[in-house]
């Protein structure tokens, strides 16, 4: 897990611009803000994605302008050999609201 933490801080982040625009428009999620939170290790939990080997799901608090702090799941795929992290998607999850109150 230390390897992924080091990569989160030092890696180059990549995301699809079209998807980023869509997330901002439909879900009010700014992927550049998400990247800044990841680089500063400002998240609650990280775990391997059970559905997609090689990917991780990260739980973080995200401050939405309209509704305040809310749990956000960010899916990433790290490439250690390239020192790169691809941000696949991000989505709010109200079921995890209790988990973010302690982080």
C-alpha atoms as a PDB file:
ATOM      1  CA  UNK A   1       0.000   0.000   0.000  1.00  0.00           C
ATOM      2  CA  UNK A   2       2.955   2.368   0.557  1.00  0.00           C
ATOM      3  CA  UNK A   3       3.750   2.196  -3.146  1.00  0.00           C
ATOM      4  CA  UNK A   4       0.314   3.461  -4.122  1.00  0.00           C
ATOM      5  CA  UNK A   5       0.518   6.230  -1.491  1.00  0.00           C
ATOM      6  CA  UNK A   6       3.881   7.394  -2.863  1.00  0.00           C
ATOM      7  CA  UNK A   7       2.478   7.269  -6.368  1.00  0.00           C
ATOM      8  CA  UNK A   8      -0.560   9.348  -5.352  1.00  0.00           C
ATOM      9  CA  UNK A   9       1.733  12.140  -4.179  1.00  0.00           C
ATOM     10  CA  UNK A  10       4.285  12.082  -6.999  1.00  0.00           C
ATOM     11  CA  UNK A  11       2.541  10.788 -10.121  1.00  0.00           C
ATOM     12  CA  UNK A  12       1.335  12.604 -13.168  1.00  0.00           C
ATOM     13  CA  UNK A  13      -2.451  12.471 -13.299  1.00  0.00           C
ATOM     14  CA  UNK A  14      -4.327  11.896 -16.532  1.00  0.00           C
ATOM     15  CA  UNK A  15      -8.038  12.073 -17.245  1.00  0.00           C
ATOM     16  CA  UNK A  16     -10.182  12.345 -20.315  1.00  0.00           C
ATOM     17  CA  UNK A  17     -11.092  15.999 -20.893  1.00  0.00           C
ATOM     18  CA  UNK A  18     -14.492  15.130 -22.363  1.00  0.00           C
ATOM     19  CA  UNK A  19     -15.318  12.950 -19.357  1.00  0.00           C
ATOM     20  CA  UNK A  20     -14.093  15.689 -17.003  1.00  0.00           C
ATOM     21  CA  UNK A  21     -16.395  18.209 -18.678  1.00  0.00           C
ATOM     22  CA  UNK A  22     -19.288  15.761 -18.426  1.00  0.00           C
ATOM     23  CA  UNK A  23     -18.650  15.080 -14.718  1.00  0.00           C
ATOM     24  CA  UNK A  24     -18.563  18.804 -14.042  1.00  0.00           C
ATOM     25  CA  UNK A  25     -21.791  19.408 -15.943  1.00  0.00           C
ATOM     26  CA  UNK A  26     -23.806  16.411 -14.698  1.00  0.00           C
ATOM     27  CA  UNK A  27     -22.377  15.695 -11.237  1.00  0.00           C
ATOM     28  CA  UNK A  28     -20.711  19.026 -10.292  1.00  0.00           C
ATOM     29  CA  UNK A  29     -17.403  17.199  -9.816  1.00  0.00           C
ATOM     30  CA  UNK A  30     -14.242  19.059 -10.795  1.00  0.00           C
ATOM     31  CA  UNK A  31     -11.596  16.417 -11.570  1.00  0.00           C
ATOM     32  CA  UNK A  32      -8.751  18.897 -11.123  1.00  0.00           C
ATOM     33  CA  UNK A  33      -9.947  19.516  -7.553  1.00  0.00           C
ATOM     34  CA  UNK A  34     -10.149  15.752  -7.041  1.00  0.00           C
ATOM     35  CA  UNK A  35      -6.548  15.392  -8.272  1.00  0.00           C
ATOM     36  CA  UNK A  36      -5.417  18.109  -5.851  1.00  0.00           C
ATOM     37  CA  UNK A  37      -7.097  16.261  -2.975  1.00  0.00           C
ATOM     38  CA  UNK A  38      -5.469  12.989  -4.007  1.00  0.00           C
ATOM     39  CA  UNK A  39      -2.005  14.573  -4.281  1.00  0.00           C
ATOM     40  CA  UNK A  40      -2.358  15.997  -0.771  1.00  0.00           C
ATOM     41  CA  UNK A  41      -3.551  12.578   0.496  1.00  0.00           C
ATOM     42  CA  UNK A  42      -6.802  14.183   1.556  1.00  0.00           C
ATOM     43  CA  UNK A  43      -9.007  11.094   1.474  1.00  0.00           C
ATOM     44  CA  UNK A  44     -10.608   8.698   3.939  1.00  0.00           C
ATOM     45  CA  UNK A  45      -9.968   5.247   2.528  1.00  0.00           C
ATOM     46  CA  UNK A  46      -8.314   3.470  -0.374  1.00  0.00           C
ATOM     47  CA  UNK A  47      -8.982  -0.094  -1.453  1.00  0.00           C
ATOM     48  CA  UNK A  48      -8.434  -2.287  -4.507  1.00  0.00           C
ATOM     49  CA  UNK A  49     -11.419  -2.307  -6.829  1.00  0.00           C
ATOM     50  CA  UNK A  50     -12.861  -5.834  -6.514  1.00  0.00           C
ATOM     51  CA  UNK A  51     -14.471  -5.653  -9.953  1.00  0.00           C
ATOM     52  CA  UNK A  52     -11.429  -4.428 -11.898  1.00  0.00           C
ATOM     53  CA  UNK A  53      -7.961  -5.748 -11.019  1.00  0.00           C
ATOM     54  CA  UNK A  54      -5.293  -3.054 -11.053  1.00  0.00           C
ATOM     55  CA  UNK A  55      -7.754  -0.301 -10.155  1.00  0.00           C
ATOM     56  CA  UNK A  56      -8.390   1.351  -6.798  1.00  0.00           C
ATOM     57  CA  UNK A  57     -11.442   2.997  -5.276  1.00  0.00           C
ATOM     58  CA  UNK A  58     -10.798   5.983  -3.064  1.00  0.00           C
ATOM     59  CA  UNK A  59     -13.341   7.412  -0.647  1.00  0.00           C
ATOM     60  CA  UNK A  60     -13.035  11.121   0.078  1.00  0.00           C
ATOM     61  CA  UNK A  61     -14.996  14.081   1.349  1.00  0.00           C
ATOM     62  CA  UNK A  62     -15.846  16.393  -1.502  1.00  0.00           C
ATOM     63  CA  UNK A  63     -17.282  19.845  -0.981  1.00  0.00           C
ATOM     64  CA  UNK A  64     -20.090  20.469  -3.423  1.00  0.00           C
ATOM     65  CA  UNK A  65     -21.029  24.120  -3.711  1.00  0.00           C
ATOM     66  CA  UNK A  66     -24.722  23.273  -3.718  1.00  0.00           C
ATOM     67  CA  UNK A  67     -24.919  20.704  -0.889  1.00  0.00           C
ATOM     68  CA  UNK A  68     -21.695  20.918   1.144  1.00  0.00           C
ATOM     69  CA  UNK A  69     -19.492  17.935   2.054  1.00  0.00           C
ATOM     70  CA  UNK A  70     -20.518  14.620   0.576  1.00  0.00           C
ATOM     71  CA  UNK A  71     -18.864  11.217   0.114  1.00  0.00           C
ATOM     72  CA  UNK A  72     -17.184  10.783  -3.240  1.00  0.00           C
ATOM     73  CA  UNK A  73     -15.775   7.605  -4.751  1.00  0.00           C
ATOM     74  CA  UNK A  74     -12.869   8.126  -7.150  1.00  0.00           C
ATOM     75  CA  UNK A  75     -11.717   5.251  -9.345  1.00  0.00           C
ATOM     76  CA  UNK A  76      -8.079   5.312 -10.439  1.00  0.00           C
ATOM     77  CA  UNK A  77      -5.741   3.061 -12.370  1.00  0.00           C
ATOM     78  CA  UNK A  78      -2.076   3.517 -11.444  1.00  0.00           C
ATOM     79  CA  UNK A  79       0.800   2.801 -13.822  1.00  0.00           C
ATOM     80  CA  UNK A  80       3.908   2.607 -11.631  1.00  0.00           C
ATOM     81  CA  UNK A  81       6.282   2.064 -14.556  1.00  0.00           C
ATOM     82  CA  UNK A  82       5.118   5.364 -16.113  1.00  0.00           C
ATOM     83  CA  UNK A  83       4.691   7.217 -12.794  1.00  0.00           C
ATOM     84  CA  UNK A  84       1.138   7.947 -13.929  1.00  0.00           C
ATOM     85  CA  UNK A  85      -2.370   7.667 -12.525  1.00  0.00           C
ATOM     86  CA  UNK A  86      -5.424   7.606 -14.750  1.00  0.00           C
ATOM     87  CA  UNK A  87      -8.541   8.956 -13.074  1.00  0.00           C
ATOM     88  CA  UNK A  88     -11.285   6.749 -14.502  1.00  0.00           C
ATOM     89  CA  UNK A  89     -14.386   8.284 -12.880  1.00  0.00           C
ATOM     90  CA  UNK A  90     -15.797   9.879  -9.748  1.00  0.00           C
ATOM     91  CA  UNK A  91     -19.268   9.655  -8.298  1.00  0.00           C
ATOM     92  CA  UNK A  92     -21.066  10.676  -5.094  1.00  0.00           C
ATOM     93  CA  UNK A  93     -22.377   7.911  -2.826  1.00  0.00           C
ATOM     94  CA  UNK A  94     -24.793   8.925  -0.074  1.00  0.00           C
ATOM     95  CA  UNK A  95     -24.649   5.434   1.479  1.00  0.00           C
ATOM     96  CA  UNK A  96     -21.128   6.241   2.699  1.00  0.00           C
ATOM     97  CA  UNK A  97     -22.052   9.483   4.466  1.00  0.00           C
ATOM     98  CA  UNK A  98     -21.405   7.971   7.925  1.00  0.00           C
ATOM     99  CA  UNK A  99     -17.889   6.911   6.903  1.00  0.00           C
ATOM    100  CA  UNK A 100     -16.741  10.413   5.991  1.00  0.00           C
ATOM    101  CA  UNK A 101     -17.815  11.913   9.304  1.00  0.00           C
ATOM    102  CA  UNK A 102     -14.753  10.313  10.953  1.00  0.00           C
ATOM    103  CA  UNK A 103     -12.082  11.346   8.483  1.00  0.00           C
END
